[in-house]
N, C-alpha and C. Protein backbone atom coordinates (compact mmCIF):
# COMPACT_ATOMS: atom_id res chain seq x y z
N MET A 1 51.75 170.34 103.82
CA MET A 1 51.98 168.96 103.48
C MET A 1 50.90 168.13 104.15
N VAL A 2 50.50 167.04 103.50
CA VAL A 2 49.47 166.15 104.02
C VAL A 2 49.94 164.71 103.92
N SER A 3 49.25 163.83 104.65
CA SER A 3 49.66 162.43 104.70
C SER A 3 49.01 161.57 103.62
N THR A 4 47.82 161.91 103.16
CA THR A 4 47.11 161.06 102.20
C THR A 4 46.38 161.92 101.17
N TYR A 5 45.98 161.26 100.11
CA TYR A 5 45.20 161.92 99.06
C TYR A 5 43.90 162.49 99.62
N HIS A 6 43.23 161.71 100.49
CA HIS A 6 41.95 162.14 101.04
C HIS A 6 42.10 163.40 101.90
N VAL A 7 43.15 163.43 102.69
CA VAL A 7 43.41 164.63 103.50
C VAL A 7 43.75 165.80 102.58
N GLN A 8 44.49 165.53 101.51
CA GLN A 8 44.81 166.58 100.55
C GLN A 8 43.54 167.19 99.96
N GLN A 9 42.60 166.35 99.58
CA GLN A 9 41.35 166.85 99.00
C GLN A 9 40.56 167.67 100.00
N LEU A 10 40.59 167.27 101.25
CA LEU A 10 39.92 168.01 102.32
C LEU A 10 40.53 169.40 102.47
N VAL A 11 41.85 169.46 102.53
CA VAL A 11 42.54 170.75 102.69
C VAL A 11 42.34 171.61 101.44
N LEU A 12 42.44 171.02 100.27
CA LEU A 12 42.25 171.78 99.03
C LEU A 12 40.84 172.36 98.92
N ALA A 13 39.87 171.66 99.49
CA ALA A 13 38.49 172.17 99.47
C ALA A 13 38.39 173.47 100.24
N VAL A 14 39.25 173.66 101.22
CA VAL A 14 39.23 174.89 102.01
C VAL A 14 40.15 175.95 101.42
N VAL A 15 41.37 175.57 101.05
CA VAL A 15 42.34 176.58 100.61
C VAL A 15 42.25 176.92 99.13
N GLY A 16 41.65 176.05 98.34
CA GLY A 16 41.57 176.30 96.91
C GLY A 16 42.96 176.42 96.31
N ASP A 17 43.17 177.46 95.52
CA ASP A 17 44.48 177.64 94.88
C ASP A 17 45.35 178.66 95.62
N THR A 18 45.02 178.93 96.89
CA THR A 18 45.81 179.90 97.66
C THR A 18 47.05 179.27 98.29
N ALA A 19 47.18 177.95 98.22
CA ALA A 19 48.33 177.28 98.83
C ALA A 19 48.66 176.02 98.05
N GLU A 20 49.91 175.62 98.12
CA GLU A 20 50.35 174.37 97.53
C GLU A 20 50.21 173.29 98.59
N VAL A 21 49.53 172.19 98.26
CA VAL A 21 49.29 171.12 99.22
C VAL A 21 49.91 169.84 98.67
N ASP A 22 51.08 169.48 99.19
CA ASP A 22 51.80 168.30 98.74
C ASP A 22 51.52 167.11 99.64
N ILE A 23 51.54 165.92 99.03
CA ILE A 23 51.40 164.67 99.78
C ILE A 23 52.80 164.15 100.07
N ILE A 24 53.03 163.74 101.30
CA ILE A 24 54.33 163.17 101.64
C ILE A 24 54.40 161.77 101.04
N GLY A 25 55.51 161.45 100.44
CA GLY A 25 55.73 160.11 99.92
C GLY A 25 55.04 159.83 98.61
N SER A 26 54.89 158.55 98.33
CA SER A 26 54.35 158.07 97.06
C SER A 26 52.84 157.87 97.17
N SER A 27 52.13 158.25 96.13
CA SER A 27 50.68 158.07 96.14
C SER A 27 50.27 156.66 95.76
N ASN A 28 51.21 155.83 95.30
CA ASN A 28 50.85 154.48 94.88
C ASN A 28 51.17 153.43 95.95
N GLU A 29 51.53 153.85 97.14
CA GLU A 29 51.84 152.93 98.23
C GLU A 29 50.72 153.01 99.27
N PRO A 30 50.22 151.86 99.74
CA PRO A 30 49.16 151.89 100.76
C PRO A 30 49.60 152.70 101.98
N VAL A 31 48.71 153.54 102.47
CA VAL A 31 49.03 154.44 103.58
C VAL A 31 49.48 153.68 104.82
N HIS A 32 48.94 152.48 105.03
CA HIS A 32 49.31 151.69 106.21
C HIS A 32 50.74 151.16 106.11
N ASP A 33 51.25 151.02 104.89
CA ASP A 33 52.58 150.44 104.68
C ASP A 33 53.66 151.49 104.46
N PHE A 34 53.28 152.74 104.33
CA PHE A 34 54.23 153.79 104.00
C PHE A 34 55.23 154.00 105.13
N SER A 35 56.48 154.20 104.74
CA SER A 35 57.54 154.56 105.68
C SER A 35 58.32 155.71 105.04
N PRO A 36 58.37 156.86 105.69
CA PRO A 36 59.00 158.02 105.06
C PRO A 36 60.50 157.84 104.85
N SER A 37 60.97 158.24 103.69
CA SER A 37 62.40 158.21 103.39
C SER A 37 63.06 159.41 104.08
N PRO A 38 64.39 159.45 104.12
CA PRO A 38 65.04 160.64 104.67
C PRO A 38 64.63 161.92 103.94
N GLY A 39 64.44 161.83 102.63
CA GLY A 39 63.98 162.99 101.86
C GLY A 39 62.57 163.42 102.26
N ASP A 40 61.70 162.42 102.48
CA ASP A 40 60.33 162.72 102.93
C ASP A 40 60.36 163.42 104.28
N LYS A 41 61.22 162.93 105.18
CA LYS A 41 61.32 163.53 106.51
C LYS A 41 61.83 164.97 106.43
N ALA A 42 62.77 165.21 105.52
CA ALA A 42 63.29 166.57 105.33
C ALA A 42 62.20 167.49 104.78
N ASP A 43 61.42 166.98 103.81
CA ASP A 43 60.31 167.77 103.26
C ASP A 43 59.29 168.09 104.35
N LEU A 44 59.00 167.11 105.18
CA LEU A 44 58.05 167.32 106.28
C LEU A 44 58.57 168.36 107.25
N LEU A 45 59.83 168.25 107.61
CA LEU A 45 60.44 169.20 108.54
C LEU A 45 60.41 170.63 107.99
N ASN A 46 60.55 170.76 106.68
CA ASN A 46 60.57 172.08 106.05
C ASN A 46 59.18 172.61 105.67
N SER A 47 58.16 171.81 105.89
CA SER A 47 56.81 172.28 105.55
C SER A 47 56.30 173.23 106.62
N ASP A 48 55.30 174.01 106.27
CA ASP A 48 54.73 174.98 107.20
C ASP A 48 53.67 174.35 108.10
N ILE A 49 52.86 173.48 107.50
CA ILE A 49 51.77 172.82 108.21
C ILE A 49 51.72 171.38 107.73
N PHE A 50 51.40 170.44 108.64
CA PHE A 50 51.23 169.04 108.26
C PHE A 50 49.87 168.57 108.76
N PHE A 51 49.02 168.19 107.81
CA PHE A 51 47.71 167.64 108.12
C PHE A 51 47.78 166.13 107.94
N TYR A 52 47.26 165.39 108.91
CA TYR A 52 47.20 163.94 108.76
C TYR A 52 45.88 163.43 109.31
N HIS A 53 45.52 162.22 108.94
CA HIS A 53 44.23 161.64 109.28
C HIS A 53 44.13 161.35 110.77
N GLY A 54 45.04 160.57 111.29
CA GLY A 54 44.98 160.19 112.70
C GLY A 54 44.37 158.82 112.87
N LEU A 55 44.01 158.49 114.10
CA LEU A 55 43.41 157.20 114.45
C LEU A 55 44.27 156.03 113.99
N LYS A 56 45.58 156.22 113.98
CA LYS A 56 46.56 155.18 113.63
C LYS A 56 46.48 154.74 112.17
N LEU A 57 45.85 155.55 111.31
CA LEU A 57 45.82 155.23 109.88
C LEU A 57 47.23 155.27 109.31
N GLU A 58 48.03 156.24 109.76
CA GLU A 58 49.40 156.40 109.31
C GLU A 58 50.32 156.02 110.47
N PRO A 59 50.75 154.75 110.56
CA PRO A 59 51.52 154.30 111.72
C PRO A 59 52.85 155.03 111.91
N TRP A 60 53.39 155.64 110.90
CA TRP A 60 54.69 156.31 110.96
C TRP A 60 54.62 157.72 111.53
N VAL A 61 53.44 158.32 111.58
CA VAL A 61 53.31 159.74 111.92
C VAL A 61 53.79 160.07 113.33
N ASP A 62 53.36 159.31 114.32
CA ASP A 62 53.74 159.63 115.71
C ASP A 62 55.26 159.69 115.89
N LYS A 63 55.96 158.72 115.31
CA LYS A 63 57.42 158.70 115.42
C LYS A 63 58.03 159.90 114.69
N ALA A 64 57.54 160.19 113.50
CA ALA A 64 58.07 161.31 112.72
C ALA A 64 57.86 162.63 113.46
N ILE A 65 56.69 162.79 114.06
CA ILE A 65 56.40 164.03 114.81
C ILE A 65 57.33 164.16 116.00
N SER A 66 57.52 163.06 116.73
CA SER A 66 58.39 163.13 117.91
C SER A 66 59.84 163.39 117.53
N GLU A 67 60.29 162.84 116.40
CA GLU A 67 61.67 163.06 115.95
C GLU A 67 61.92 164.53 115.57
N MET A 68 60.90 165.22 115.08
CA MET A 68 61.06 166.62 114.69
C MET A 68 61.08 167.55 115.90
N GLY A 69 60.45 167.14 116.97
CA GLY A 69 60.40 167.98 118.16
C GLY A 69 59.78 169.33 117.86
N ASP A 70 60.33 170.37 118.46
CA ASP A 70 59.80 171.72 118.28
C ASP A 70 60.19 172.36 116.95
N ASP A 71 61.07 171.69 116.19
CA ASP A 71 61.53 172.23 114.91
C ASP A 71 60.55 171.97 113.77
N GLY A 72 59.59 171.09 114.00
CA GLY A 72 58.67 170.69 112.94
C GLY A 72 57.59 171.71 112.66
N PRO A 73 56.77 171.40 111.66
CA PRO A 73 55.68 172.30 111.29
C PRO A 73 54.52 172.23 112.29
N THR A 74 53.55 173.08 112.11
CA THR A 74 52.30 172.97 112.86
C THR A 74 51.65 171.66 112.45
N ILE A 75 51.21 170.87 113.42
CA ILE A 75 50.64 169.55 113.15
C ILE A 75 49.13 169.59 113.41
N ILE A 76 48.35 169.13 112.44
CA ILE A 76 46.90 169.12 112.56
C ILE A 76 46.38 167.72 112.24
N LYS A 77 45.70 167.10 113.21
CA LYS A 77 45.04 165.81 112.99
C LYS A 77 43.63 166.11 112.50
N THR A 78 43.25 165.56 111.34
CA THR A 78 41.95 165.89 110.76
C THR A 78 40.82 164.99 111.22
N HIS A 79 41.14 163.89 111.90
CA HIS A 79 40.08 162.97 112.32
C HIS A 79 40.33 162.54 113.75
N ALA A 80 39.34 162.68 114.56
CA ALA A 80 39.44 162.24 115.95
C ALA A 80 38.09 161.69 116.38
N MET A 81 38.11 160.76 117.29
CA MET A 81 36.87 160.16 117.77
C MET A 81 36.26 161.03 118.86
N PRO A 82 35.01 161.46 118.70
CA PRO A 82 34.36 162.22 119.77
C PRO A 82 33.98 161.29 120.92
N THR A 83 33.81 161.86 122.09
CA THR A 83 33.45 161.06 123.27
C THR A 83 31.98 160.69 123.27
N GLY A 84 31.17 161.38 122.52
CA GLY A 84 29.74 161.12 122.53
C GLY A 84 29.01 161.90 123.60
N GLU A 85 29.75 162.65 124.41
CA GLU A 85 29.14 163.40 125.49
C GLU A 85 28.44 164.66 124.99
N ILE A 86 28.83 165.14 123.83
CA ILE A 86 28.20 166.33 123.28
C ILE A 86 27.94 166.10 121.80
N THR A 87 26.99 166.82 121.25
CA THR A 87 26.73 166.77 119.83
C THR A 87 27.68 167.74 119.14
N LEU A 88 28.38 167.24 118.14
CA LEU A 88 29.38 168.07 117.47
C LEU A 88 28.88 168.52 116.10
N ASP A 89 29.17 169.74 115.76
CA ASP A 89 28.91 170.30 114.44
C ASP A 89 30.20 170.12 113.65
N TYR A 90 30.33 168.97 112.99
CA TYR A 90 31.58 168.60 112.34
C TYR A 90 32.03 169.59 111.27
N GLU A 91 31.09 170.10 110.49
CA GLU A 91 31.48 171.04 109.44
C GLU A 91 32.12 172.29 110.03
N SER A 92 31.51 172.84 111.07
CA SER A 92 32.06 174.04 111.70
C SER A 92 33.40 173.77 112.35
N ILE A 93 33.52 172.61 113.00
CA ILE A 93 34.78 172.26 113.65
C ILE A 93 35.88 172.13 112.62
N LEU A 94 35.60 171.42 111.53
CA LEU A 94 36.60 171.22 110.48
C LEU A 94 37.01 172.54 109.85
N VAL A 95 36.05 173.34 109.45
CA VAL A 95 36.37 174.62 108.82
C VAL A 95 37.14 175.50 109.80
N ASP A 96 36.71 175.54 111.06
CA ASP A 96 37.39 176.36 112.06
C ASP A 96 38.84 175.91 112.25
N ASP A 97 39.05 174.59 112.40
CA ASP A 97 40.41 174.07 112.60
C ASP A 97 41.30 174.35 111.39
N LEU A 98 40.79 174.08 110.19
CA LEU A 98 41.59 174.31 108.99
C LEU A 98 41.89 175.80 108.82
N CYS A 99 40.88 176.63 109.00
CA CYS A 99 41.09 178.07 108.83
C CYS A 99 42.06 178.62 109.86
N SER A 100 41.92 178.17 111.10
CA SER A 100 42.83 178.65 112.16
C SER A 100 44.27 178.26 111.85
N ALA A 101 44.47 177.00 111.47
CA ALA A 101 45.82 176.53 111.19
C ALA A 101 46.42 177.25 109.99
N LEU A 102 45.63 177.42 108.95
CA LEU A 102 46.14 178.06 107.75
C LEU A 102 46.33 179.56 107.94
N SER A 103 45.52 180.19 108.76
CA SER A 103 45.64 181.63 108.99
C SER A 103 46.85 181.97 109.83
N GLU A 104 47.36 181.01 110.61
CA GLU A 104 48.54 181.25 111.43
C GLU A 104 49.81 181.29 110.58
N ASN A 105 49.73 180.77 109.38
CA ASN A 105 50.90 180.67 108.51
C ASN A 105 51.18 182.03 107.88
N ASP A 106 52.35 182.58 108.16
CA ASP A 106 52.71 183.90 107.64
C ASP A 106 52.79 183.93 106.11
N ARG A 107 53.09 182.80 105.49
CA ARG A 107 53.23 182.78 104.03
C ARG A 107 51.89 182.82 103.31
N LEU A 108 50.82 182.43 103.99
CA LEU A 108 49.51 182.42 103.34
C LEU A 108 48.76 183.69 103.68
N VAL A 109 48.45 184.46 102.67
CA VAL A 109 47.65 185.66 102.88
C VAL A 109 46.26 185.32 102.37
N ASN A 110 45.33 185.13 103.30
CA ASN A 110 43.97 184.80 102.90
C ASN A 110 43.00 185.27 103.97
N ASN A 111 41.76 185.15 103.69
CA ASN A 111 40.74 185.57 104.64
C ASN A 111 39.83 184.41 105.02
N LEU A 112 40.40 183.23 105.16
CA LEU A 112 39.60 182.05 105.46
C LEU A 112 38.83 182.19 106.77
N MET A 113 39.39 182.89 107.74
CA MET A 113 38.70 183.01 109.02
C MET A 113 37.34 183.68 108.86
N SER A 114 37.16 184.50 107.86
CA SER A 114 35.87 185.16 107.67
C SER A 114 34.80 184.19 107.19
N TYR A 115 35.20 183.03 106.68
CA TYR A 115 34.24 182.06 106.18
C TYR A 115 33.82 181.03 107.22
N LYS A 116 34.50 180.94 108.35
CA LYS A 116 34.17 179.88 109.31
C LYS A 116 32.76 180.04 109.86
N ASN A 117 32.25 181.26 109.92
CA ASN A 117 30.90 181.48 110.42
C ASN A 117 29.83 181.03 109.44
N GLN A 118 30.22 180.71 108.21
CA GLN A 118 29.27 180.26 107.21
C GLN A 118 29.19 178.74 107.13
N ALA A 119 29.90 178.02 107.99
CA ALA A 119 29.92 176.56 107.92
C ALA A 119 28.53 175.98 108.09
N SER A 120 27.70 176.58 108.92
CA SER A 120 26.35 176.05 109.14
C SER A 120 25.47 176.20 107.91
N GLU A 121 25.86 177.04 106.96
CA GLU A 121 25.09 177.24 105.74
C GLU A 121 25.44 176.22 104.66
N LEU A 122 26.44 175.38 104.91
CA LEU A 122 26.82 174.38 103.93
C LEU A 122 25.67 173.40 103.74
N ASN A 123 25.36 173.07 102.51
CA ASN A 123 24.32 172.12 102.22
C ASN A 123 25.00 170.84 101.76
N ILE A 124 25.07 169.87 102.64
CA ILE A 124 25.77 168.63 102.34
C ILE A 124 24.74 167.51 102.26
N ASP A 125 24.65 166.86 101.12
CA ASP A 125 23.74 165.74 100.92
C ASP A 125 24.46 164.48 101.38
N ILE A 126 24.27 164.13 102.65
CA ILE A 126 24.99 163.00 103.26
C ILE A 126 24.71 161.71 102.51
N GLU A 127 23.46 161.48 102.11
CA GLU A 127 23.12 160.25 101.41
C GLU A 127 23.95 160.12 100.13
N TYR A 128 24.08 161.20 99.39
CA TYR A 128 24.88 161.19 98.17
C TYR A 128 26.34 160.88 98.50
N LEU A 129 26.87 161.51 99.55
CA LEU A 129 28.26 161.26 99.93
C LEU A 129 28.48 159.82 100.33
N VAL A 130 27.55 159.25 101.08
CA VAL A 130 27.69 157.85 101.51
C VAL A 130 27.76 156.95 100.30
N HIS A 131 26.92 157.21 99.31
CA HIS A 131 26.95 156.39 98.09
C HIS A 131 28.25 156.55 97.34
N GLN A 132 28.85 157.71 97.39
CA GLN A 132 30.11 157.93 96.71
C GLN A 132 31.27 157.27 97.43
N LEU A 133 31.18 157.10 98.75
CA LEU A 133 32.28 156.58 99.54
C LEU A 133 32.13 155.11 99.89
N THR A 134 31.05 154.46 99.52
CA THR A 134 30.82 153.06 99.85
C THR A 134 31.17 152.21 98.64
N PHE A 135 32.00 151.22 98.87
CA PHE A 135 32.42 150.35 97.79
C PHE A 135 31.96 148.92 98.09
N PRO A 136 31.09 148.33 97.28
CA PRO A 136 30.66 146.96 97.52
C PRO A 136 31.78 145.99 97.17
N ALA A 137 31.66 144.79 97.67
CA ALA A 137 32.62 143.75 97.32
C ALA A 137 32.50 143.48 95.82
N PRO A 138 33.60 143.11 95.16
CA PRO A 138 33.54 142.84 93.72
C PRO A 138 32.47 141.80 93.40
N ASP A 139 31.68 142.08 92.36
CA ASP A 139 30.64 141.17 91.89
C ASP A 139 29.62 140.82 92.97
N SER A 140 29.41 141.71 93.95
CA SER A 140 28.46 141.42 95.01
C SER A 140 27.03 141.61 94.53
N GLY A 141 26.87 142.38 93.47
CA GLY A 141 25.53 142.66 92.99
C GLY A 141 24.81 143.69 93.83
N GLU A 142 25.50 144.25 94.82
CA GLU A 142 24.89 145.24 95.69
C GLU A 142 24.53 146.49 94.90
N ASP A 143 23.31 146.95 95.10
CA ASP A 143 22.86 148.18 94.45
C ASP A 143 23.20 149.35 95.35
N LEU A 144 24.13 150.20 94.92
CA LEU A 144 24.55 151.33 95.74
C LEU A 144 23.48 152.41 95.81
N HIS A 145 22.49 152.34 94.97
CA HIS A 145 21.46 153.38 94.97
C HIS A 145 20.12 152.71 95.23
N ASP A 146 19.83 152.41 96.50
CA ASP A 146 18.59 151.72 96.81
C ASP A 146 17.40 152.63 96.58
N ASP A 147 16.24 152.18 96.99
CA ASP A 147 15.02 152.92 96.70
C ASP A 147 14.88 154.23 97.47
N HIS A 148 15.71 154.46 98.45
CA HIS A 148 15.68 155.68 99.27
C HIS A 148 14.43 155.79 100.11
N GLY A 149 13.69 154.75 100.30
CA GLY A 149 12.51 154.83 101.16
C GLY A 149 11.52 155.84 100.63
N ASP A 150 10.91 156.58 101.56
CA ASP A 150 9.88 157.52 101.15
C ASP A 150 10.37 158.95 101.06
N HIS A 151 11.64 159.19 101.33
CA HIS A 151 12.25 160.52 101.19
C HIS A 151 11.70 161.56 102.13
N ASP A 152 11.12 161.16 103.26
CA ASP A 152 10.62 162.15 104.20
C ASP A 152 11.72 163.03 104.73
N ASP A 153 12.95 162.52 104.71
CA ASP A 153 14.06 163.30 105.25
C ASP A 153 14.75 164.15 104.19
N HIS A 154 14.15 164.28 103.03
CA HIS A 154 14.76 165.06 101.95
C HIS A 154 13.93 166.31 101.68
N ASP A 155 13.96 167.24 102.57
CA ASP A 155 13.18 168.46 102.39
C ASP A 155 13.62 169.26 101.18
N ASP A 156 14.87 169.05 100.76
CA ASP A 156 15.37 169.84 99.64
C ASP A 156 15.13 169.14 98.30
N HIS A 157 14.42 168.02 98.29
CA HIS A 157 14.13 167.29 97.07
C HIS A 157 12.61 167.19 96.93
N ASP A 158 12.05 167.73 95.87
CA ASP A 158 10.61 167.66 95.69
C ASP A 158 10.17 166.25 95.31
N ASP A 159 10.80 165.68 94.33
CA ASP A 159 10.41 164.38 93.84
C ASP A 159 11.59 163.77 93.11
N HIS A 160 11.96 162.55 93.46
CA HIS A 160 13.10 161.94 92.78
C HIS A 160 12.72 161.42 91.40
N GLY A 161 11.53 160.90 91.25
CA GLY A 161 11.08 160.45 89.94
C GLY A 161 12.18 159.76 89.17
N ASP A 162 12.47 160.27 87.99
CA ASP A 162 13.52 159.69 87.15
C ASP A 162 14.85 160.40 87.29
N HIS A 163 14.97 161.29 88.26
CA HIS A 163 16.21 162.01 88.56
C HIS A 163 16.63 163.00 87.49
N ASP A 164 15.74 163.36 86.56
CA ASP A 164 16.12 164.31 85.52
C ASP A 164 16.44 165.69 86.08
N ASP A 165 15.87 166.00 87.25
CA ASP A 165 16.09 167.32 87.82
C ASP A 165 17.22 167.34 88.84
N HIS A 166 18.13 166.39 88.77
CA HIS A 166 19.23 166.28 89.73
C HIS A 166 20.57 166.53 89.07
N ASP A 167 20.81 167.69 88.56
CA ASP A 167 22.08 167.99 87.91
C ASP A 167 23.24 167.94 88.87
N ASP A 168 22.98 168.13 90.18
CA ASP A 168 24.07 168.12 91.15
C ASP A 168 24.41 166.73 91.65
N HIS A 169 23.71 165.72 91.17
CA HIS A 169 23.97 164.33 91.57
C HIS A 169 24.39 163.55 90.34
N ASP A 170 25.63 163.69 89.92
CA ASP A 170 26.09 163.12 88.66
C ASP A 170 25.73 161.66 88.49
N ASP A 171 26.07 160.84 89.49
CA ASP A 171 25.85 159.40 89.38
C ASP A 171 24.64 158.96 90.18
N HIS A 172 23.82 159.84 90.58
CA HIS A 172 22.69 159.56 91.46
C HIS A 172 21.64 158.91 90.63
């Protein structure tokens, strides 16, 4: 079980179709305003694992976790603020945490732990992701796809030109 759509997508990216990943509550209610019903609390209590965002995004989570005590599911916070004292490899940390939590579950038979060592091989185009996750104010006229400067930091891109050779960047 997960707290939000975004956390669900994160977990589904790791587990694929090997597990059912349900969202607690209604998907049409703002996450900050959500308050679990008795049925939601029962579903949470009966779940195997609960992933949530953290950082007070879901104000109801701390109380729900404390009410379940030791009877509740394994609890995994997917977002935490680093101290800045060390450089973190976020992809490896995320894959390791998700794989560890999911591998502990007796109902899930998978080999996710064998993939955690491949996290460093993930090719993530951060610039593309930022453009996908940034929303300008309505009618701001902001261009979400600026000139990209000189692309010195894009070793994996030969030439942007007219973007005809970018099949992996749908809206790029």
